[in-house]
Protein backbone atom coordinates (compact mmCIF):
# COMPACT_ATOMS: atom_id res chain seq x y z
CA MET A 1 -0.11 -0.17 0.08
CA ARG A 2 1.04 3.10 -1.03
CA LEU A 3 0.63 7.07 0.21
CA LEU A 4 2.21 10.06 -1.03
CA HIS A 5 4.02 12.64 1.29
CA PRO A 6 3.05 16.28 0.65
CA ASP A 7 6.66 16.64 -1.08
CA GLY A 8 6.10 13.71 -3.42
CA THR A 9 8.43 11.19 -1.94
CA PRO A 10 6.35 7.71 -1.77
CA VAL A 11 5.63 6.37 1.28
CA HIS A 12 5.28 2.18 1.86
CA LEU A 13 3.00 0.62 4.61
CA ALA A 14 3.13 -3.50 5.19
CA TYR A 15 2.06 -5.45 7.71
CA CYS A 16 4.72 -7.86 8.54
CA THR A 17 4.17 -11.59 8.28
CA ASN A 18 6.35 -12.78 11.30
CA VAL A 19 2.74 -13.22 12.19
CA HIS A 20 2.43 -16.58 10.45
CA PRO A 21 4.04 -19.78 11.51
CA ALA A 22 4.91 -20.65 8.12
CA GLU A 23 8.95 -21.30 7.22
CA THR A 24 9.15 -22.89 4.19
CA PRO A 25 8.74 -22.13 0.88
CA GLU A 26 5.92 -24.05 0.42
CA GLY A 27 3.90 -22.53 3.56
CA ILE A 28 5.09 -18.86 2.61
CA LEU A 29 3.15 -18.97 -0.50
CA ALA A 30 0.62 -20.80 1.39
CA GLN A 31 0.13 -17.75 3.89
CA LEU A 32 -0.39 -15.33 1.12
CA ASP A 33 -3.15 -17.65 -0.27
CA GLN A 34 -4.75 -18.02 3.18
CA TYR A 35 -3.86 -14.49 4.68
CA ALA A 36 -2.22 -11.90 2.66
CA GLY A 37 -4.26 -12.06 -0.19
CA PRO A 38 -7.78 -12.22 1.76
CA VAL A 39 -6.13 -8.93 4.14
CA ARG A 40 -5.78 -6.75 0.74
CA ALA A 41 -9.52 -7.94 -0.52
CA ALA A 42 -10.68 -7.39 2.86
CA LEU A 43 -9.08 -3.28 2.39
CA GLY A 44 -10.29 -2.95 -1.15
CA THR A 45 -7.29 -1.83 -2.75
CA ASP A 46 -4.75 -2.62 -5.49
CA THR A 47 -1.90 -3.71 -3.44
CA VAL A 48 -0.98 -4.27 -0.12
CA GLY A 49 2.53 -4.46 1.64
CA LEU A 50 4.24 -7.16 2.83
CA GLY A 51 7.14 -7.23 5.44
CA LEU A 52 8.08 -10.34 4.77
CA TRP A 53 10.04 -12.82 7.21
CA LEU A 54 11.89 -15.26 5.37
CA PRO A 55 13.75 -17.87 8.14
CA ALA A 56 17.60 -18.06 7.06
CA ALA A 57 17.04 -21.93 5.58
CA THR A 58 14.26 -20.36 2.78
CA ALA A 59 16.13 -16.86 2.70
CA ALA A 60 19.22 -19.06 1.63
CA LEU A 61 17.36 -21.37 -0.75
CA LEU A 62 15.39 -18.01 -2.61
CA ALA A 63 18.67 -16.90 -2.65
CA GLY A 64 20.11 -19.53 -5.10
CA SER A 65 17.60 -20.69 -6.76
CA PRO A 66 15.66 -17.86 -9.63
CA THR A 67 13.20 -21.04 -10.15
CA ALA A 68 11.74 -20.66 -6.66
CA LEU A 69 12.30 -16.76 -6.30
CA GLY A 70 10.62 -16.65 -9.30
CA GLU A 71 7.72 -18.46 -8.01
CA LEU A 72 6.99 -16.39 -4.89
CA ARG A 73 7.29 -13.19 -7.53
CA ALA A 74 4.61 -14.53 -8.87
CA ARG A 75 2.46 -15.73 -6.26
CA LEU A 76 3.11 -11.79 -5.16
CA ALA A 77 1.99 -10.27 -8.24
CA ASP A 78 -1.39 -12.71 -8.10
CA HIS A 79 -2.42 -11.34 -4.93
CA GLY A 80 -1.92 -8.02 -5.40
CA LEU A 81 0.93 -7.66 -2.66
CA GLU A 82 4.57 -6.13 -2.74
CA THR A 83 7.45 -6.13 -0.42
CA VAL A 84 10.26 -3.30 -0.19
CA THR A 85 11.02 -4.14 3.81
CA PHE A 86 12.17 -7.45 4.73
CA ASN A 87 12.33 -8.61 9.18
CA GLY A 88 15.43 -10.02 9.50
CA PHE A 89 15.35 -9.78 13.41
CA PRO A 90 14.11 -13.96 13.51
CA TYR A 91 16.65 -16.07 12.34
CA ARG A 92 14.54 -19.11 12.51
CA GLY A 93 11.60 -20.64 14.89
CA PHE A 94 9.53 -17.50 15.94
CA HIS A 95 6.87 -19.76 16.37
CA ASP A 96 8.22 -22.69 18.46
CA PRO A 97 6.06 -23.42 21.68
CA VAL A 98 9.38 -21.56 23.47
CA VAL A 99 11.10 -18.32 21.96
CA LYS A 100 12.17 -16.09 24.21
CA GLN A 101 15.56 -15.05 24.65
CA ALA A 102 16.44 -17.58 21.59
CA VAL A 103 15.36 -14.82 19.14
CA TYR A 104 18.60 -13.51 19.70
CA HIS A 105 20.56 -15.74 18.29
CA PRO A 106 22.94 -16.12 16.21
CA ASP A 107 23.90 -12.62 16.96
CA TRP A 108 26.32 -10.24 15.24
CA THR A 109 29.54 -11.79 16.62
CA GLY A 110 29.24 -14.66 14.08
CA PRO A 111 29.13 -15.28 10.35
CA GLU A 112 25.61 -16.64 10.45
CA ARG A 113 23.64 -12.89 11.02
CA PRO A 114 25.96 -11.64 8.14
CA SER A 115 25.25 -14.71 5.85
CA TYR A 116 21.14 -14.26 6.05
CA THR A 117 21.27 -10.72 5.73
CA LEU A 118 22.72 -10.47 3.29
CA ASP A 119 20.44 -13.39 1.47
CA LEU A 120 17.97 -11.61 2.70
CA ALA A 121 18.89 -8.24 0.78
CA ARG A 122 19.86 -10.89 -2.36
CA VAL A 123 16.28 -12.00 -2.15
CA LEU A 124 14.57 -8.25 -1.64
CA ALA A 125 16.64 -6.82 -4.60
CA ALA A 126 14.68 -9.61 -7.07
CA LEU A 127 11.55 -8.67 -5.34
CA LEU A 128 11.50 -5.16 -5.58
CA PRO A 129 8.10 -3.44 -7.26
CA GLU A 130 9.25 -1.81 -10.91
CA GLY A 131 10.26 1.53 -10.10
CA VAL A 132 11.30 1.22 -6.44
CA ASP A 133 15.01 0.60 -6.07
CA ARG A 134 15.74 1.03 -2.49
CA GLY A 135 15.41 -1.72 0.12
CA SER A 136 15.57 -1.91 3.95
CA VAL A 137 15.91 -4.87 6.36
CA SER A 138 15.47 -4.95 10.01
CA THR A 139 17.75 -6.73 12.49
CA LEU A 140 18.79 -7.59 16.22
CA PRO A 141 20.54 -4.47 17.63
CA LEU A 142 23.99 -6.61 17.78
CA ALA A 143 23.10 -9.25 20.86
CA TRP A 144 21.42 -9.64 24.10
CA ARG A 145 23.19 -7.22 26.74
CA GLU A 146 25.39 -9.69 28.13
CA PRO A 147 27.50 -11.43 28.19
CA TRP A 148 29.26 -8.45 25.84
CA PRO A 149 33.01 -8.17 26.74
CA VAL A 150 35.14 -6.22 24.28
CA SER A 151 35.95 -8.78 22.08
CA ALA A 152 32.31 -9.63 21.20
CA ARG A 153 31.91 -6.04 19.94
CA ASP A 154 35.16 -5.71 17.72
CA ALA A 155 33.40 -9.12 16.54
CA ALA A 156 30.28 -7.46 15.81
CA ARG A 157 32.30 -4.60 14.02
CA ARG A 158 33.19 -6.49 12.23
CA ARG A 159 30.30 -8.28 10.94
CA LEU A 160 28.85 -5.10 10.38
CA GLU A 161 31.78 -4.10 7.74
CA GLU A 162 31.52 -7.43 6.47
CA LEU A 163 27.94 -6.66 5.81
CA THR A 164 28.13 -2.86 4.14
CA ALA A 165 31.06 -4.63 1.74
CA GLY A 166 28.19 -7.18 0.68
CA LEU A 167 25.62 -4.57 0.06
CA ASP A 168 27.61 -2.60 -1.86
CA ARG A 169 28.20 -5.15 -3.94
CA LEU A 170 24.85 -5.98 -4.53
CA ALA A 171 23.60 -2.56 -5.12
CA GLU A 172 26.22 -2.66 -7.97
CA GLU A 173 25.19 -5.60 -9.47
CA THR A 174 21.62 -4.93 -9.22
CA GLY A 175 21.06 -1.06 -9.24
CA LYS A 176 19.37 -2.08 -5.68
CA VAL A 177 20.31 -0.41 -2.30
CA ILE A 178 19.00 -2.73 0.31
CA ARG A 179 19.54 -0.79 3.85
CA VAL A 180 19.82 -2.35 7.26
CA GLY A 181 18.33 -0.71 10.35
CA LEU A 182 19.43 -1.82 13.79
CA GLU A 183 16.13 -2.43 16.11
CA PRO A 184 16.53 -0.95 19.63
CA GLU A 185 15.17 -3.55 22.17
CA PRO A 186 14.82 -3.84 25.75
CA GLY A 187 17.60 -5.70 27.06
CA CYS A 188 19.87 -5.64 23.79
CA VAL A 189 23.25 -4.15 23.84
CA ALA A 190 21.57 -1.83 21.90
CA GLU A 191 18.50 -1.17 23.76
CA THR A 192 18.17 2.52 23.32
CA VAL A 193 18.14 5.19 20.42
CA PRO A 194 21.99 6.57 21.58
CA GLN A 195 22.97 3.10 21.85
CA VAL A 196 22.57 2.23 18.26
CA ILE A 197 23.90 6.00 17.52
CA GLU A 198 26.71 4.78 19.45
CA ALA A 199 26.93 1.00 17.76
CA LEU A 200 26.81 2.44 14.29
CA ALA A 201 29.58 5.59 15.25
CA GLY A 202 31.85 5.36 12.10
CA THR A 203 29.64 2.86 9.70
CA ASP A 204 28.58 3.26 6.14
CA PRO A 205 24.82 5.14 6.10
CA ARG A 206 24.23 4.52 2.63
CA TYR A 207 23.64 1.00 3.87
CA LEU A 208 23.35 0.92 8.04
CA GLY A 209 20.70 2.89 10.13
CA ILE A 210 17.89 2.02 12.76
CA CYS A 211 14.72 0.35 12.64
CA LEU A 212 12.27 2.76 14.95
CA ASP A 213 10.12 0.24 16.48
CA ALA A 214 7.22 2.87 18.53
CA CYS A 215 6.48 0.01 20.86
CA HIS A 216 10.26 -0.62 22.05
CA LEU A 217 10.47 3.59 22.20
CA ALA A 218 7.66 3.12 24.47
CA VAL A 219 9.06 0.48 26.64
CA ALA A 220 12.01 2.39 26.91
CA HIS A 221 10.76 5.49 27.74
CA GLU A 222 12.78 7.59 25.26
CA GLU A 223 10.03 10.60 23.83
CA PRO A 224 10.11 10.35 19.79
CA GLU A 225 10.91 13.86 19.40
CA GLU A 226 14.46 14.11 21.40
CA ALA A 227 14.75 10.13 19.51
CA VAL A 228 14.81 11.39 16.24
CA ALA A 229 16.39 14.58 16.74
CA ALA A 230 19.22 12.54 18.12
CA LEU A 231 19.18 10.12 14.98
CA ASP A 232 19.27 13.72 12.25
CA ALA A 233 21.96 14.95 14.89
CA ALA A 234 24.17 11.81 14.22
CA GLY A 235 23.52 11.24 10.98
CA VAL A 236 22.06 7.97 11.67
CA PRO A 237 19.29 6.96 8.77
CA ILE A 238 15.53 5.95 9.77
CA VAL A 239 15.57 3.17 7.17
CA LYS A 240 12.39 2.01 8.70
CA THR A 241 9.63 2.16 11.25
CA GLN A 242 7.59 -0.40 12.74
CA ALA A 243 4.10 0.58 14.04
CA SER A 244 3.55 -1.07 17.37
CA ALA A 245 2.00 -0.92 20.42
CA ALA A 246 2.90 -1.66 24.00
CA LEU A 247 0.75 -2.73 26.63
CA ILE A 248 0.99 -0.27 29.89
CA ALA A 249 -0.75 -1.02 33.39
CA ASP A 250 -1.16 1.93 35.67
CA ASP A 251 -1.35 0.30 38.74
CA PRO A 252 0.30 -3.26 38.07
CA ARG A 253 0.34 -4.44 41.81
CA GLY A 254 -3.21 -3.33 42.81
CA PRO A 255 -5.36 -6.50 42.69
CA GLU A 256 -7.03 -5.01 39.50
CA GLY A 257 -4.13 -4.28 37.44
CA ARG A 258 -2.72 -7.63 38.44
CA ALA A 259 -5.19 -9.41 37.52
CA ALA A 260 -5.57 -7.63 33.96
CA LEU A 261 -1.87 -8.47 33.01
CA GLU A 262 -1.48 -11.78 34.54
CA PRO A 263 -3.02 -13.18 31.54
CA PHE A 264 -0.10 -11.59 29.29
CA ASP A 265 2.35 -13.57 30.91
CA GLU A 266 2.74 -16.27 28.07
CA PRO A 267 5.23 -18.98 27.35
CA ARG A 268 6.24 -18.48 24.05
CA PHE A 269 7.67 -14.62 23.46
CA LEU A 270 9.95 -12.22 26.46
CA HIS A 271 8.23 -9.75 27.76
CA GLN A 272 10.22 -6.74 29.12
CA VAL A 273 9.28 -4.55 31.34
CA ARG A 274 10.32 -1.03 32.67
CA GLU A 275 9.09 1.13 35.00
CA GLU A 276 9.83 4.71 35.75
CA THR A 277 10.12 6.88 38.49
CA GLY A 278 11.95 10.24 39.80
CA GLY A 279 13.59 9.78 35.88
CA ARG A 280 15.43 6.14 36.77
CA VAL A 281 14.04 3.87 34.52
CA SER A 282 14.10 -0.20 36.30
CA GLY A 283 13.33 -2.88 34.34
CA ARG A 284 13.29 -6.83 33.92
CA ASP A 285 13.68 -9.10 31.64
CA ASP A 286 10.01 -11.04 31.58
CA LEU A 287 6.57 -10.26 32.83
CA GLY A 288 7.05 -13.20 35.09
CA PRO A 289 9.85 -11.65 36.81
CA ALA A 290 8.19 -8.30 37.28
CA PHE A 291 6.06 -9.15 39.82
CA ASP A 292 8.32 -11.16 41.85
CA ALA A 293 7.84 -10.67 45.71
CA ASP A 294 11.74 -10.19 46.30
CA ASP A 295 13.17 -9.44 43.55
CA GLY A 296 10.17 -7.84 41.27
CA LEU A 297 9.79 -3.90 40.15
CA PRO A 298 7.65 -2.27 42.62
CA GLY A 299 4.80 -1.09 40.62
CA ASP A 300 4.67 3.24 42.32
CA ALA A 301 4.52 3.84 38.47
CA PRO A 302 3.00 2.38 35.53
CA TRP A 303 4.65 -0.66 33.73
CA ARG A 304 5.12 -0.46 30.41
CA VAL A 305 5.19 -4.28 28.42
CA HIS A 306 6.83 -5.27 25.41
CA TYR A 307 3.93 -7.00 24.50
CA HIS A 308 2.73 -5.56 20.83
CA VAL A 309 -1.15 -5.24 21.16
CA PRO A 310 -3.48 -4.91 17.94
CA LEU A 311 -3.17 -0.91 16.72
CA HIS A 312 -7.06 -0.40 16.12
CA ARG A 313 -8.33 -1.27 19.79
CA GLU A 314 -7.03 -0.39 23.14
CA PRO A 315 -7.13 -3.24 25.85
CA ASP A 316 -9.50 -3.73 28.14
CA PRO A 317 -9.40 -1.34 31.17
CA PRO A 318 -7.53 -0.89 33.58
CA LEU A 319 -4.72 -1.90 30.76
CA ARG A 320 -4.23 1.07 28.32
CA SER A 321 -1.69 0.64 25.21
CA SER A 322 1.23 3.21 24.16
CA ARG A 323 -0.65 4.18 20.97
CA PRO A 324 -0.81 8.08 21.62
CA LEU A 325 3.18 7.56 21.55
CA LEU A 326 2.59 5.84 18.27
CA SER A 327 0.88 8.40 16.85
CA ARG A 328 2.83 11.32 18.20
CA THR A 329 6.01 9.16 16.53
CA LEU A 330 3.80 9.15 12.77
CA GLY A 331 3.70 12.33 13.47
CA VAL A 332 7.33 13.42 14.37
CA LEU A 333 8.43 10.92 11.08
CA PHE A 334 5.83 12.18 8.54
CA GLY A 335 4.55 15.73 9.80
CA GLY A 336 7.37 17.82 8.30
CA GLU A 337 8.52 19.05 5.36
CA ARG A 338 10.28 15.50 3.91
CA PRO A 339 9.41 12.14 5.52
CA LEU A 340 12.11 10.74 7.20
CA THR A 341 11.55 7.34 6.80
CA GLU A 342 9.62 5.55 3.43
CA HIS A 343 8.74 2.21 5.23
CA VAL A 344 6.24 1.65 7.62
CA GLU A 345 5.65 -2.19 9.18
CA VAL A 346 2.92 -2.62 11.21
CA GLU A 347 4.28 -5.79 13.76
CA THR A 348 1.69 -7.46 16.08
CA TYR A 349 2.92 -10.91 15.77
CA THR A 350 1.49 -11.99 19.17
CA TRP A 351 -2.26 -12.06 17.66
CA THR A 352 -2.06 -16.10 18.48
CA VAL A 353 -1.08 -15.61 22.53
CA LEU A 354 -3.42 -12.55 23.53
CA PRO A 355 -5.16 -13.72 26.12
CA GLU A 356 -7.86 -16.44 25.06
CA GLU A 357 -10.84 -14.27 24.93
CA HIS A 358 -8.99 -11.58 22.59
CA ARG A 359 -7.40 -14.47 19.83
CA PRO A 360 -8.82 -13.79 16.65
CA ALA A 361 -10.86 -17.26 15.43
CA GLY A 362 -9.18 -18.09 13.12
CA PRO A 363 -7.55 -17.53 9.62
CA ALA A 364 -10.73 -15.35 8.85
CA GLY A 365 -11.09 -13.37 12.29
CA LEU A 366 -7.05 -13.00 11.68
CA VAL A 367 -7.77 -11.31 8.71
CA THR A 368 -10.16 -9.47 9.72
CA GLY A 369 -7.59 -7.88 12.57
CA ILE A 370 -4.80 -7.11 10.23
CA ALA A 371 -6.85 -5.50 8.27
CA ALA A 372 -8.29 -3.22 11.03
CA GLU A 373 -4.83 -2.81 12.08
CA LEU A 374 -3.68 -1.64 8.75
CA ASP A 375 -6.94 0.72 7.56
CA TRP A 376 -6.05 2.31 11.29
CA CYS A 377 -2.38 3.25 10.20
CA ARG A 378 -3.29 4.05 7.04
CA LYS A 379 -5.90 6.68 8.49
CA GLU A 380 -3.40 7.89 10.87
CA LEU A 381 -0.81 8.63 8.44
CA LEU A 382 -3.42 10.69 6.29
CA ARG A 383 -4.14 12.39 9.64
CA HIS A 384 -0.02 13.31 9.39
CA GLY A 385 -0.45 14.56 6.02
CA LEU A 386 -0.03 12.17 3.76
CA ARG A 387 -2.34 11.48 1.00
CA PRO A 388 -3.37 8.37 -1.24
CA LYS A 389 -1.59 7.14 -4.01
């Protein structure tokens, strides 16, 4: 789905397919039939954008098989789908029964991560729509925060240099520029925007930048205006933004707040929690530990939880979402004289682990929910001055 900024720049809106569990080429083609195509039909638009998630084995297969890649390209076209961005954060197994910290492995200290990311870049360069010569891939912000000795930092820097060299060769070969954005996330080496700026110091901004996730920004208690100003001052490009909203509990240790939060403490994904009191942000690495009687968070201020909740509706009281901060983020990115990024990806991957009463009813329910999120985000972008293309 494409919109236009007042300066004439196209802005691409997509939803991320990491919400679907398919990991094989056949499964990915099937998810286009079962979900993405019907989402486009539900929206009534000529095209819908996908932020494709391809696990490592499938990315490698597609990168080395013109036949398989051609089949994927044809199936996208059949359904009126296009892609300008990939989610390269999960390496594999994103819908395993337990993911938690496994999502941060392999990290950027070893050869697997640059190899996988370059495979994604090769596939994306071949799938970019006609007339589009720039794509984006989001990736983890180096590694989980510990252990992180100097040797790991230096190894990660070398891997980013390898990646940059590979992206430069790809641009020369294809004429397509694929940019990679580190996605700051709570608990990681680069948890905040300033930490990503530090991690990218001295790298090539033609190819490396940040993926600004609005949920993560909220959980870290970062203000979008300050974060974007810092990135601009440092010359770090925003290669994509992820339209996402965090879960917020204003009175997390009160009986009503705790009863409302506990159903979100589920076993698959990590749900980091942050609480700000007196200008100091404290945190725990999951929702369960935050409730711990001896070593949990005090609950003297609201908890912001890394739990991507649907954008088009607020959680039931007494919970709420960080959707107002997402709206501000979109305003900062698109309300000025020029857009500060061209790629917006709705990334709510938690539909199937929501409390049972809020889960979609089968594939049709998920299609309806994804379409509603995209419609909400489209209307929000129009409110900030974009117009339909």
